[in-house]
Amino acid sequence: MKVLAFAAAMAAILPAAAWGKDEDADPAKVDVVDAIECRIDAPTYNGFALSIDGADGIAKARKWTKIPSKNPMLAEYQLPAPITVAGHYATRRVALTSTGILAILDLPDPAPLAREQGIANAADPGALVDGPGAEDQMPPELAAAMRASGKFLGEKVVSDTTEKATPENHFGAHTVITRNVSTVSSHPGKTLYGCSYRITLLDKNGNPI
């Protein structure tokens, strides 16, 4: 999946209020750490993401090196110098998804970072493995494998806004910005930390399209 191509396709159909760049929001001036830390708005992030690739893109100007990724959902880059995110975690690797940007951290256990950020693990297998009647429904070896999987997937909502359709813009938009902590099997020993800028198109009645 070409994540930036997906972003460009969405830009073609989203209302200007949700996607369009502010005249003062120069993508070339966006700090990648601000994008990772959810310190920019969705239109500013979208302009930044769409300006990363290309002959005159941000990646080339900032000397980012594209890294072949084992995960088709991630477009990975090596930065020329380390950045620090979440206060004290340093990395030179970032990845773009179809909706946001992540720092790839050399952190085998995401739990300390997640606690610092107040993010719970939505993929915690505890309820399935240790809940009432679980041992009668699940082979012991499967339960043990789930406990040992270490999968983490969590997010915290930073901003949740809705713009209704208008006579000028026939579509509305629901924008949710979330801080994310996760692990993925394609990157063992790593924790992904960053921000997602999700936009859902709405029809004139406010229903998702």
Protein backbone atom coordinates (compact mmCIF):
# COMPACT_ATOMS: atom_id res chain seq x y z
CA MET A 1 0.00 0.00 0.00
CA LYS A 2 1.40 3.38 -0.95
CA VAL A 3 0.40 5.46 2.03
CA LEU A 4 1.11 8.84 0.45
CA ALA A 5 -0.86 7.92 -2.65
CA PHE A 6 -3.79 7.14 -0.34
CA ALA A 7 -3.41 10.56 1.26
CA ALA A 8 -3.40 12.27 -2.12
CA ALA A 9 -6.56 10.43 -3.15
CA MET A 10 -8.30 11.57 0.03
CA ALA A 11 -7.20 15.15 -0.59
CA ALA A 12 -9.08 15.12 -3.89
CA ILE A 13 -12.44 14.47 -2.20
CA LEU A 14 -12.23 15.98 1.28
CA PRO A 15 -13.75 19.41 1.91
CA ALA A 16 -11.31 22.29 1.91
CA ALA A 17 -12.01 23.06 5.56
CA ALA A 18 -10.85 19.59 6.57
CA TRP A 19 -7.96 19.12 4.17
CA GLY A 20 -6.92 22.44 2.71
CA LYS A 21 -3.72 24.04 3.91
CA ASP A 22 -3.75 27.33 5.75
CA GLU A 23 -1.92 29.99 3.76
CA ASP A 24 0.45 30.44 6.72
CA ALA A 25 1.06 26.71 7.25
CA ASP A 26 4.17 26.07 5.14
CA PRO A 27 4.74 22.28 5.03
CA ALA A 28 8.49 22.85 4.77
CA LYS A 29 8.46 24.53 8.19
CA VAL A 30 6.62 21.76 10.05
CA ASP A 31 8.75 20.14 12.76
CA VAL A 32 8.51 16.34 12.46
CA VAL A 33 8.48 16.07 16.27
CA ASP A 34 5.44 18.38 16.39
CA ALA A 35 3.69 16.09 13.90
CA ILE A 36 4.56 12.99 15.95
CA GLU A 37 3.44 14.66 19.19
CA CYS A 38 0.03 15.77 17.82
CA ARG A 39 1.00 19.44 18.17
CA ILE A 40 -0.33 20.46 14.75
CA ASP A 41 -3.82 20.40 13.27
CA ALA A 42 -5.03 17.97 10.63
CA PRO A 43 -4.83 20.37 7.65
CA THR A 44 -1.25 21.28 8.54
CA TYR A 45 -0.31 17.61 8.92
CA ASN A 46 -1.94 16.71 5.62
CA GLY A 47 0.01 19.39 3.79
CA PHE A 48 3.21 18.15 5.43
CA ALA A 49 2.54 14.47 4.59
CA LEU A 50 1.75 15.23 0.96
CA SER A 51 4.96 17.23 0.62
CA ILE A 52 7.35 14.55 1.89
CA ASP A 53 8.06 12.67 -1.34
CA GLY A 54 8.95 13.98 -4.77
CA ALA A 55 11.90 15.67 -6.43
CA ASP A 56 11.51 18.83 -4.36
CA GLY A 57 9.96 17.14 -1.35
CA ILE A 58 10.63 17.48 2.34
CA ALA A 59 12.42 14.12 2.54
CA LYS A 60 15.03 15.21 0.01
CA ALA A 61 15.43 18.69 1.48
CA ARG A 62 15.91 17.30 4.99
CA LYS A 63 18.15 14.44 3.81
CA TRP A 64 15.79 11.72 4.94
CA THR A 65 16.65 8.30 3.52
CA LYS A 66 13.83 6.00 2.41
CA ILE A 67 14.14 2.56 4.04
CA PRO A 68 12.67 -0.61 2.46
CA SER A 69 9.94 -1.67 4.87
CA LYS A 70 8.89 -5.19 5.81
CA ASN A 71 5.44 -3.77 6.47
CA PRO A 72 3.45 -2.54 3.44
CA MET A 73 1.40 -0.29 5.73
CA LEU A 74 4.47 1.76 6.71
CA ALA A 75 6.61 4.13 4.62
CA GLU A 76 9.86 4.33 6.59
CA TYR A 77 12.60 6.95 6.64
CA GLN A 78 15.99 7.27 8.34
CA LEU A 79 16.70 10.78 9.62
CA PRO A 80 20.16 12.35 9.43
CA ALA A 81 20.14 13.12 13.16
CA PRO A 82 18.24 11.77 16.18
CA ILE A 83 15.00 13.33 17.36
CA THR A 84 13.56 13.04 20.87
CA VAL A 85 9.89 12.19 21.39
CA ALA A 86 7.69 11.68 24.46
CA GLY A 87 10.22 13.64 26.47
CA HIS A 88 13.20 11.28 26.52
CA TYR A 89 13.05 8.61 23.78
CA ALA A 90 15.54 9.16 20.94
CA THR A 91 15.33 7.71 17.43
CA ARG A 92 16.42 8.31 13.85
CA ARG A 93 13.60 6.29 12.28
CA VAL A 94 10.08 7.45 11.45
CA ALA A 95 7.24 5.89 9.49
CA LEU A 96 4.17 7.23 7.76
CA THR A 97 0.87 5.37 7.75
CA SER A 98 -2.23 6.20 5.72
CA THR A 99 -3.38 8.53 8.53
CA GLY A 100 -0.36 9.65 10.52
CA ILE A 101 3.29 9.53 11.47
CA LEU A 102 5.18 7.36 13.98
CA ALA A 103 8.58 7.31 15.63
CA ILE A 104 10.14 3.82 15.61
CA LEU A 105 11.76 3.35 19.02
CA ASP A 106 14.29 0.77 20.21
CA LEU A 107 11.94 -0.16 23.02
CA PRO A 108 11.05 -3.87 23.37
CA ASP A 109 8.45 -3.22 26.09
CA PRO A 110 5.97 -0.42 25.30
CA ALA A 111 4.40 -0.53 28.78
CA PRO A 112 6.54 2.19 30.43
CA LEU A 113 5.93 4.63 27.57
CA ALA A 114 2.22 3.79 27.51
CA ARG A 115 1.92 4.43 31.26
CA GLU A 116 3.66 7.78 30.88
CA GLN A 117 1.18 8.74 28.15
CA GLY A 118 -1.89 7.36 29.93
CA ILE A 119 -2.59 4.92 27.10
CA ALA A 120 -4.20 1.52 27.76
CA ASN A 121 -3.63 -1.60 25.68
CA ALA A 122 -6.75 -2.32 23.65
CA ALA A 123 -5.15 -5.58 22.50
CA ASP A 124 -4.57 -6.91 26.04
CA PRO A 125 -5.44 -10.63 25.89
CA GLY A 126 -6.04 -10.80 29.65
CA ALA A 127 -9.83 -10.83 29.50
CA LEU A 128 -9.84 -13.58 26.88
CA VAL A 129 -7.16 -15.68 28.55
CA ASP A 130 -7.96 -15.19 32.24
CA GLY A 131 -11.65 -14.25 32.17
CA PRO A 132 -14.47 -16.43 33.54
CA GLY A 133 -14.67 -19.76 31.72
CA ALA A 134 -11.69 -18.98 29.51
CA GLU A 135 -9.76 -22.09 30.53
CA ASP A 136 -12.74 -24.24 29.47
CA GLN A 137 -12.85 -22.64 26.03
CA MET A 138 -9.16 -22.24 25.15
CA PRO A 139 -6.35 -24.83 24.89
CA PRO A 140 -3.61 -24.11 27.46
CA GLU A 141 -0.95 -23.76 24.75
CA LEU A 142 -3.02 -21.09 22.97
CA ALA A 143 -3.56 -19.19 26.22
CA ALA A 144 0.18 -19.31 26.92
CA ALA A 145 0.97 -18.05 23.42
CA MET A 146 -1.45 -15.14 23.80
CA ARG A 147 0.05 -14.16 27.16
CA ALA A 148 3.51 -14.23 25.62
CA SER A 149 2.59 -12.34 22.45
CA GLY A 150 3.31 -8.94 23.96
CA LYS A 151 1.01 -7.26 21.43
CA PHE A 152 0.23 -3.63 22.27
CA LEU A 153 -2.26 -1.40 20.50
CA GLY A 154 -3.52 1.71 22.24
CA GLU A 155 -4.47 5.30 21.63
CA LYS A 156 -5.61 8.43 23.45
CA VAL A 157 -7.85 11.03 21.84
CA VAL A 158 -6.21 14.44 21.65
CA SER A 159 -8.88 16.20 19.56
CA ASP A 160 -12.32 15.22 18.23
CA THR A 161 -14.09 17.77 16.00
CA THR A 162 -16.93 17.76 13.48
CA GLU A 163 -17.53 20.18 10.61
CA LYS A 164 -20.98 20.02 9.06
CA ALA A 165 -21.68 20.22 5.34
CA THR A 166 -22.52 23.69 4.00
CA PRO A 167 -23.98 24.95 0.71
CA GLU A 168 -20.42 25.65 -0.40
CA ASN A 169 -18.97 22.34 0.83
CA HIS A 170 -21.37 19.49 0.13
CA PHE A 171 -19.45 17.20 2.47
CA GLY A 172 -18.71 17.57 6.15
CA ALA A 173 -15.85 15.98 8.06
CA HIS A 174 -15.26 14.29 11.40
CA THR A 175 -11.62 14.68 12.44
CA VAL A 176 -10.07 12.67 15.27
CA ILE A 177 -6.46 13.20 16.32
CA THR A 178 -5.04 10.48 18.55
CA ARG A 179 -1.73 9.75 20.27
CA ASN A 180 -0.75 6.14 19.58
CA VAL A 181 1.48 3.47 21.10
CA SER A 182 1.76 0.08 19.39
CA THR A 183 3.88 -2.90 18.51
CA VAL A 184 3.84 -4.79 15.22
CA SER A 185 5.21 -8.20 14.27
CA SER A 186 7.19 -6.79 11.33
CA HIS A 187 9.31 -4.77 13.80
CA PRO A 188 10.28 -7.06 16.70
CA GLY A 189 11.85 -5.29 19.64
CA LYS A 190 10.45 -1.93 18.53
CA THR A 191 7.68 0.32 19.82
CA LEU A 192 5.80 2.66 17.50
CA TYR A 193 4.82 6.02 18.99
CA GLY A 194 3.13 8.86 17.19
CA CYS A 195 0.01 10.59 16.05
CA SER A 196 -2.92 9.72 13.82
CA TYR A 197 -4.97 12.36 12.00
CA ARG A 198 -8.12 10.50 10.91
CA ILE A 199 -10.74 12.23 8.78
CA THR A 200 -14.14 10.70 7.96
CA LEU A 201 -16.31 12.27 5.26
CA LEU A 202 -19.89 13.11 6.28
CA ASP A 203 -22.93 13.60 4.08
CA LYS A 204 -25.33 16.54 4.43
CA ASN A 205 -27.13 14.73 7.26
CA GLY A 206 -23.92 14.17 9.19
CA ASN A 207 -23.68 10.45 8.40
CA PRO A 208 -20.34 8.83 7.53
CA ILE A 209 -19.88 8.22 3.82
